[in-house]
Amino acid sequence: MFILTFCAERHLSVDYQDCVQACCGSVALVVCVICLILSTFVASILYLIVVGNQWDKCETFGDLIIKILLSFQNKLWSYNDDDDDQSINQSIIYNAP
């Protein structure tokens, strides 16, 4: 950082590209711009990969929740110890919002 600041003050550069061009020349400026574009592109691709992996985990977690809820519903319907309890369980399912 200190070297970059020193070079920018010495050549009266306003931004990074002016500093690179003044210190290293036009060829280095082109190489610097290409590296900047490639690193931005690669960072975007990696971001999409990470988001995609997290989305897959969330989708799997959602399937797990649905299976748990369905198994809970099946347990409510298959409860046959007492007729009064079964009618209460069925009314709970029918009156669910």
N, C-alpha and C. Protein backbone atom coordinates (compact mmCIF):
# COMPACT_ATOMS: atom_id res chain seq x y z
N MET A 1 0.82 -1.19 0.00
CA MET A 1 0.00 0.00 0.00
C MET A 1 0.87 1.25 0.00
N PHE A 2 1.93 1.19 0.81
CA PHE A 2 2.78 2.38 0.89
C PHE A 2 3.49 2.63 -0.44
N ILE A 3 3.91 1.57 -1.11
CA ILE A 3 4.58 1.73 -2.40
C ILE A 3 3.62 2.30 -3.43
N LEU A 4 2.40 1.80 -3.45
CA LEU A 4 1.39 2.31 -4.37
C LEU A 4 1.10 3.78 -4.09
N THR A 5 0.99 4.15 -2.83
CA THR A 5 0.74 5.55 -2.47
C THR A 5 1.92 6.43 -2.87
N PHE A 6 3.12 5.95 -2.62
CA PHE A 6 4.31 6.71 -3.00
C PHE A 6 4.37 6.94 -4.50
N CYS A 7 4.11 5.88 -5.30
CA CYS A 7 4.15 6.01 -6.76
C CYS A 7 3.04 6.93 -7.26
N ALA A 8 1.87 6.84 -6.66
CA ALA A 8 0.75 7.70 -7.08
C ALA A 8 1.07 9.17 -6.80
N GLU A 9 1.67 9.46 -5.64
CA GLU A 9 2.02 10.85 -5.32
C GLU A 9 3.17 11.34 -6.20
N ARG A 10 4.09 10.48 -6.49
CA ARG A 10 5.25 10.87 -7.30
C ARG A 10 4.87 11.21 -8.74
N HIS A 11 3.94 10.43 -9.32
CA HIS A 11 3.54 10.64 -10.71
C HIS A 11 2.24 11.43 -10.83
N LEU A 12 1.71 11.92 -9.71
CA LEU A 12 0.45 12.67 -9.67
C LEU A 12 -0.70 11.89 -10.32
N SER A 13 -0.76 10.63 -9.99
CA SER A 13 -1.81 9.76 -10.53
C SER A 13 -3.08 9.89 -9.68
N VAL A 14 -4.22 9.83 -10.36
CA VAL A 14 -5.49 9.96 -9.67
C VAL A 14 -6.05 8.59 -9.28
N ASP A 15 -5.91 7.61 -10.17
CA ASP A 15 -6.45 6.29 -9.88
C ASP A 15 -5.39 5.22 -10.12
N TYR A 16 -5.78 3.98 -9.89
CA TYR A 16 -4.86 2.86 -9.97
C TYR A 16 -4.31 2.67 -11.39
N GLN A 17 -5.18 2.79 -12.38
CA GLN A 17 -4.74 2.60 -13.77
C GLN A 17 -3.71 3.65 -14.18
N ASP A 18 -3.91 4.89 -13.77
CA ASP A 18 -2.92 5.93 -14.09
C ASP A 18 -1.58 5.63 -13.43
N CYS A 19 -1.62 5.13 -12.20
CA CYS A 19 -0.39 4.80 -11.48
C CYS A 19 0.36 3.66 -12.17
N VAL A 20 -0.36 2.62 -12.57
CA VAL A 20 0.28 1.49 -13.25
C VAL A 20 0.86 1.93 -14.59
N GLN A 21 0.12 2.73 -15.33
CA GLN A 21 0.62 3.20 -16.63
C GLN A 21 1.84 4.10 -16.46
N ALA A 22 1.84 4.96 -15.47
CA ALA A 22 2.97 5.86 -15.27
C ALA A 22 4.20 5.12 -14.78
N CYS A 23 4.03 4.13 -13.93
CA CYS A 23 5.18 3.41 -13.36
C CYS A 23 5.69 2.27 -14.24
N CYS A 24 4.76 1.54 -14.88
CA CYS A 24 5.14 0.30 -15.56
C CYS A 24 4.97 0.35 -17.08
N GLY A 25 4.19 1.27 -17.59
CA GLY A 25 4.01 1.38 -19.03
C GLY A 25 2.64 0.86 -19.48
N SER A 26 2.40 1.03 -20.79
CA SER A 26 1.10 0.67 -21.36
C SER A 26 0.84 -0.83 -21.40
N VAL A 27 1.89 -1.62 -21.63
CA VAL A 27 1.72 -3.07 -21.68
C VAL A 27 1.30 -3.60 -20.31
N ALA A 28 1.90 -3.09 -19.27
CA ALA A 28 1.53 -3.51 -17.91
C ALA A 28 0.11 -3.08 -17.58
N LEU A 29 -0.31 -1.94 -18.11
CA LEU A 29 -1.69 -1.49 -17.89
C LEU A 29 -2.68 -2.47 -18.52
N VAL A 30 -2.40 -2.93 -19.73
CA VAL A 30 -3.29 -3.88 -20.40
C VAL A 30 -3.32 -5.20 -19.62
N VAL A 31 -2.17 -5.68 -19.19
CA VAL A 31 -2.10 -6.92 -18.41
C VAL A 31 -2.87 -6.75 -17.10
N CYS A 32 -2.73 -5.61 -16.47
CA CYS A 32 -3.43 -5.34 -15.21
C CYS A 32 -4.95 -5.34 -15.41
N VAL A 33 -5.42 -4.72 -16.48
CA VAL A 33 -6.85 -4.67 -16.77
C VAL A 33 -7.38 -6.08 -17.06
N ILE A 34 -6.63 -6.88 -17.82
CA ILE A 34 -7.06 -8.24 -18.13
C ILE A 34 -7.13 -9.08 -16.85
N CYS A 35 -6.13 -8.94 -15.98
CA CYS A 35 -6.15 -9.68 -14.70
C CYS A 35 -7.32 -9.23 -13.84
N LEU A 36 -7.63 -7.96 -13.84
CA LEU A 36 -8.76 -7.46 -13.06
C LEU A 36 -10.09 -8.01 -13.58
N ILE A 37 -10.24 -8.04 -14.90
CA ILE A 37 -11.46 -8.59 -15.50
C ILE A 37 -11.59 -10.08 -15.20
N LEU A 38 -10.50 -10.83 -15.34
CA LEU A 38 -10.54 -12.27 -15.07
C LEU A 38 -10.84 -12.57 -13.60
N SER A 39 -10.24 -11.81 -12.70
CA SER A 39 -10.49 -12.06 -11.27
C SER A 39 -11.94 -11.74 -10.90
N THR A 40 -12.51 -10.70 -11.50
CA THR A 40 -13.91 -10.37 -11.25
C THR A 40 -14.82 -11.46 -11.80
N PHE A 41 -14.52 -11.97 -12.99
CA PHE A 41 -15.31 -13.04 -13.59
C PHE A 41 -15.25 -14.31 -12.75
N VAL A 42 -14.06 -14.69 -12.31
CA VAL A 42 -13.89 -15.90 -11.51
C VAL A 42 -14.60 -15.75 -10.16
N ALA A 43 -14.54 -14.57 -9.55
CA ALA A 43 -15.23 -14.35 -8.28
C ALA A 43 -16.74 -14.48 -8.46
N SER A 44 -17.26 -14.01 -9.59
CA SER A 44 -18.70 -14.14 -9.86
C SER A 44 -19.09 -15.60 -10.03
N ILE A 45 -18.30 -16.36 -10.74
CA ILE A 45 -18.58 -17.78 -10.94
C ILE A 45 -18.53 -18.52 -9.60
N LEU A 46 -17.54 -18.24 -8.78
CA LEU A 46 -17.45 -18.89 -7.47
C LEU A 46 -18.63 -18.53 -6.58
N TYR A 47 -19.08 -17.29 -6.67
CA TYR A 47 -20.25 -16.87 -5.91
C TYR A 47 -21.48 -17.67 -6.34
N LEU A 48 -21.66 -17.86 -7.63
CA LEU A 48 -22.80 -18.64 -8.12
C LEU A 48 -22.71 -20.10 -7.68
N ILE A 49 -21.51 -20.65 -7.64
CA ILE A 49 -21.33 -22.03 -7.19
C ILE A 49 -21.70 -22.16 -5.72
N VAL A 50 -21.25 -21.22 -4.90
CA VAL A 50 -21.57 -21.27 -3.46
C VAL A 50 -23.06 -21.13 -3.24
N VAL A 51 -23.70 -20.20 -3.93
CA VAL A 51 -25.14 -20.01 -3.79
C VAL A 51 -25.88 -21.26 -4.26
N GLY A 52 -25.44 -21.86 -5.34
CA GLY A 52 -26.06 -23.08 -5.84
C GLY A 52 -25.97 -24.22 -4.84
N ASN A 53 -24.80 -24.38 -4.21
CA ASN A 53 -24.64 -25.43 -3.20
C ASN A 53 -25.54 -25.18 -2.00
N GLN A 54 -25.65 -23.95 -1.58
CA GLN A 54 -26.52 -23.63 -0.44
C GLN A 54 -27.98 -23.85 -0.82
N TRP A 55 -28.34 -23.54 -2.05
CA TRP A 55 -29.72 -23.74 -2.50
C TRP A 55 -30.08 -25.23 -2.48
N ASP A 56 -29.14 -26.07 -2.91
CA ASP A 56 -29.37 -27.52 -2.89
C ASP A 56 -29.61 -28.01 -1.47
N LYS A 57 -28.85 -27.50 -0.51
CA LYS A 57 -29.02 -27.90 0.88
C LYS A 57 -30.37 -27.45 1.40
N CYS A 58 -30.78 -26.26 1.06
CA CYS A 58 -32.08 -25.76 1.52
C CYS A 58 -33.21 -26.59 0.91
N GLU A 59 -33.07 -26.96 -0.34
CA GLU A 59 -34.10 -27.75 -0.99
C GLU A 59 -34.21 -29.13 -0.32
N THR A 60 -33.09 -29.72 0.01
CA THR A 60 -33.08 -31.00 0.70
C THR A 60 -33.69 -30.85 2.09
N PHE A 61 -33.38 -29.78 2.77
CA PHE A 61 -33.93 -29.53 4.10
C PHE A 61 -35.45 -29.35 4.01
N GLY A 62 -35.92 -28.67 2.97
CA GLY A 62 -37.36 -28.51 2.77
C GLY A 62 -38.05 -29.84 2.55
N ASP A 63 -37.43 -30.74 1.78
CA ASP A 63 -37.99 -32.08 1.57
C ASP A 63 -38.06 -32.84 2.89
N LEU A 64 -37.05 -32.67 3.73
CA LEU A 64 -37.05 -33.33 5.03
C LEU A 64 -38.20 -32.83 5.89
N ILE A 65 -38.43 -31.54 5.91
CA ILE A 65 -39.53 -30.97 6.70
C ILE A 65 -40.88 -31.50 6.20
N ILE A 66 -41.05 -31.57 4.89
CA ILE A 66 -42.31 -32.08 4.33
C ILE A 66 -42.51 -33.54 4.73
N LYS A 67 -41.46 -34.35 4.69
CA LYS A 67 -41.59 -35.76 5.10
C LYS A 67 -41.96 -35.88 6.57
N ILE A 68 -41.37 -35.04 7.41
CA ILE A 68 -41.69 -35.09 8.84
C ILE A 68 -43.15 -34.70 9.06
N LEU A 69 -43.61 -33.66 8.39
CA LEU A 69 -45.00 -33.24 8.55
C LEU A 69 -45.98 -34.30 8.04
N LEU A 70 -45.65 -34.94 6.92
CA LEU A 70 -46.53 -35.98 6.40
C LEU A 70 -46.56 -37.19 7.32
N SER A 71 -45.43 -37.55 7.90
CA SER A 71 -45.43 -38.69 8.82
C SER A 71 -46.21 -38.35 10.09
N PHE A 72 -46.14 -37.10 10.53
CA PHE A 72 -46.93 -36.68 11.68
C PHE A 72 -48.42 -36.75 11.37
N GLN A 73 -48.79 -36.35 10.17
CA GLN A 73 -50.19 -36.41 9.77
C GLN A 73 -50.66 -37.86 9.70
N ASN A 74 -49.84 -38.75 9.19
CA ASN A 74 -50.20 -40.18 9.12
C ASN A 74 -50.36 -40.77 10.51
N LYS A 75 -49.54 -40.34 11.47
CA LYS A 75 -49.68 -40.83 12.84
C LYS A 75 -50.99 -40.36 13.45
N LEU A 76 -51.41 -39.15 13.14
CA LEU A 76 -52.69 -38.66 13.66
C LEU A 76 -53.85 -39.49 13.11
N TRP A 77 -53.78 -39.85 11.83
CA TRP A 77 -54.88 -40.62 11.23
C TRP A 77 -54.90 -42.06 11.69
N SER A 78 -53.74 -42.63 12.00
CA SER A 78 -53.69 -44.05 12.35
C SER A 78 -53.87 -44.31 13.84
N TYR A 79 -54.14 -43.31 14.61
CA TYR A 79 -54.33 -43.46 16.05
C TYR A 79 -55.72 -44.03 16.32
N ASN A 80 -55.80 -45.28 16.82
CA ASN A 80 -57.09 -45.98 16.97
C ASN A 80 -57.34 -46.48 18.39
N ASP A 81 -56.74 -45.92 19.41
CA ASP A 81 -56.94 -46.41 20.78
C ASP A 81 -58.34 -46.09 21.31
N ASP A 82 -58.86 -44.94 20.98
CA ASP A 82 -60.16 -44.54 21.50
C ASP A 82 -60.90 -43.78 20.41
N ASP A 83 -62.18 -44.05 20.25
CA ASP A 83 -62.96 -43.38 19.20
C ASP A 83 -63.04 -41.88 19.42
N ASP A 84 -63.13 -41.45 20.67
CA ASP A 84 -63.22 -40.02 20.95
C ASP A 84 -61.93 -39.30 20.55
N ASP A 85 -60.79 -39.94 20.86
CA ASP A 85 -59.51 -39.33 20.49
C ASP A 85 -59.36 -39.24 18.98
N GLN A 86 -59.81 -40.27 18.26
CA GLN A 86 -59.67 -40.25 16.81
C GLN A 86 -60.54 -39.14 16.21
N SER A 87 -61.73 -38.96 16.72
CA SER A 87 -62.58 -37.90 16.19
C SER A 87 -61.98 -36.53 16.50
N ILE A 88 -61.33 -36.41 17.66
CA ILE A 88 -60.67 -35.14 17.99
C ILE A 88 -59.51 -34.91 17.03
N ASN A 89 -58.70 -35.95 16.77
CA ASN A 89 -57.57 -35.79 15.85
C ASN A 89 -58.05 -35.46 14.44
N GLN A 90 -59.12 -36.11 13.99
CA GLN A 90 -59.63 -35.81 12.66
C GLN A 90 -60.17 -34.39 12.58
N SER A 91 -60.80 -33.90 13.64
CA SER A 91 -61.30 -32.53 13.63
C SER A 91 -60.16 -31.54 13.64
N ILE A 92 -59.05 -31.88 14.28
CA ILE A 92 -57.89 -30.99 14.26
C ILE A 92 -57.35 -30.88 12.84
N ILE A 93 -57.26 -31.99 12.12
CA ILE A 93 -56.75 -31.96 10.76
C ILE A 93 -57.70 -31.21 9.83
N TYR A 94 -59.01 -31.45 9.96
CA TYR A 94 -59.95 -30.78 9.08
C TYR A 94 -60.06 -29.28 9.34
N ASN A 95 -59.85 -28.88 10.60
CA ASN A 95 -59.99 -27.48 10.95
C ASN A 95 -58.68 -26.72 10.89
N ALA A 96 -57.62 -27.35 10.41
CA ALA A 96 -56.33 -26.67 10.31
C ALA A 96 -56.42 -25.58 9.25
N PRO A 97 -55.76 -24.44 9.52
CA PRO A 97 -55.82 -23.32 8.55
C PRO A 97 -55.07 -23.61 7.28
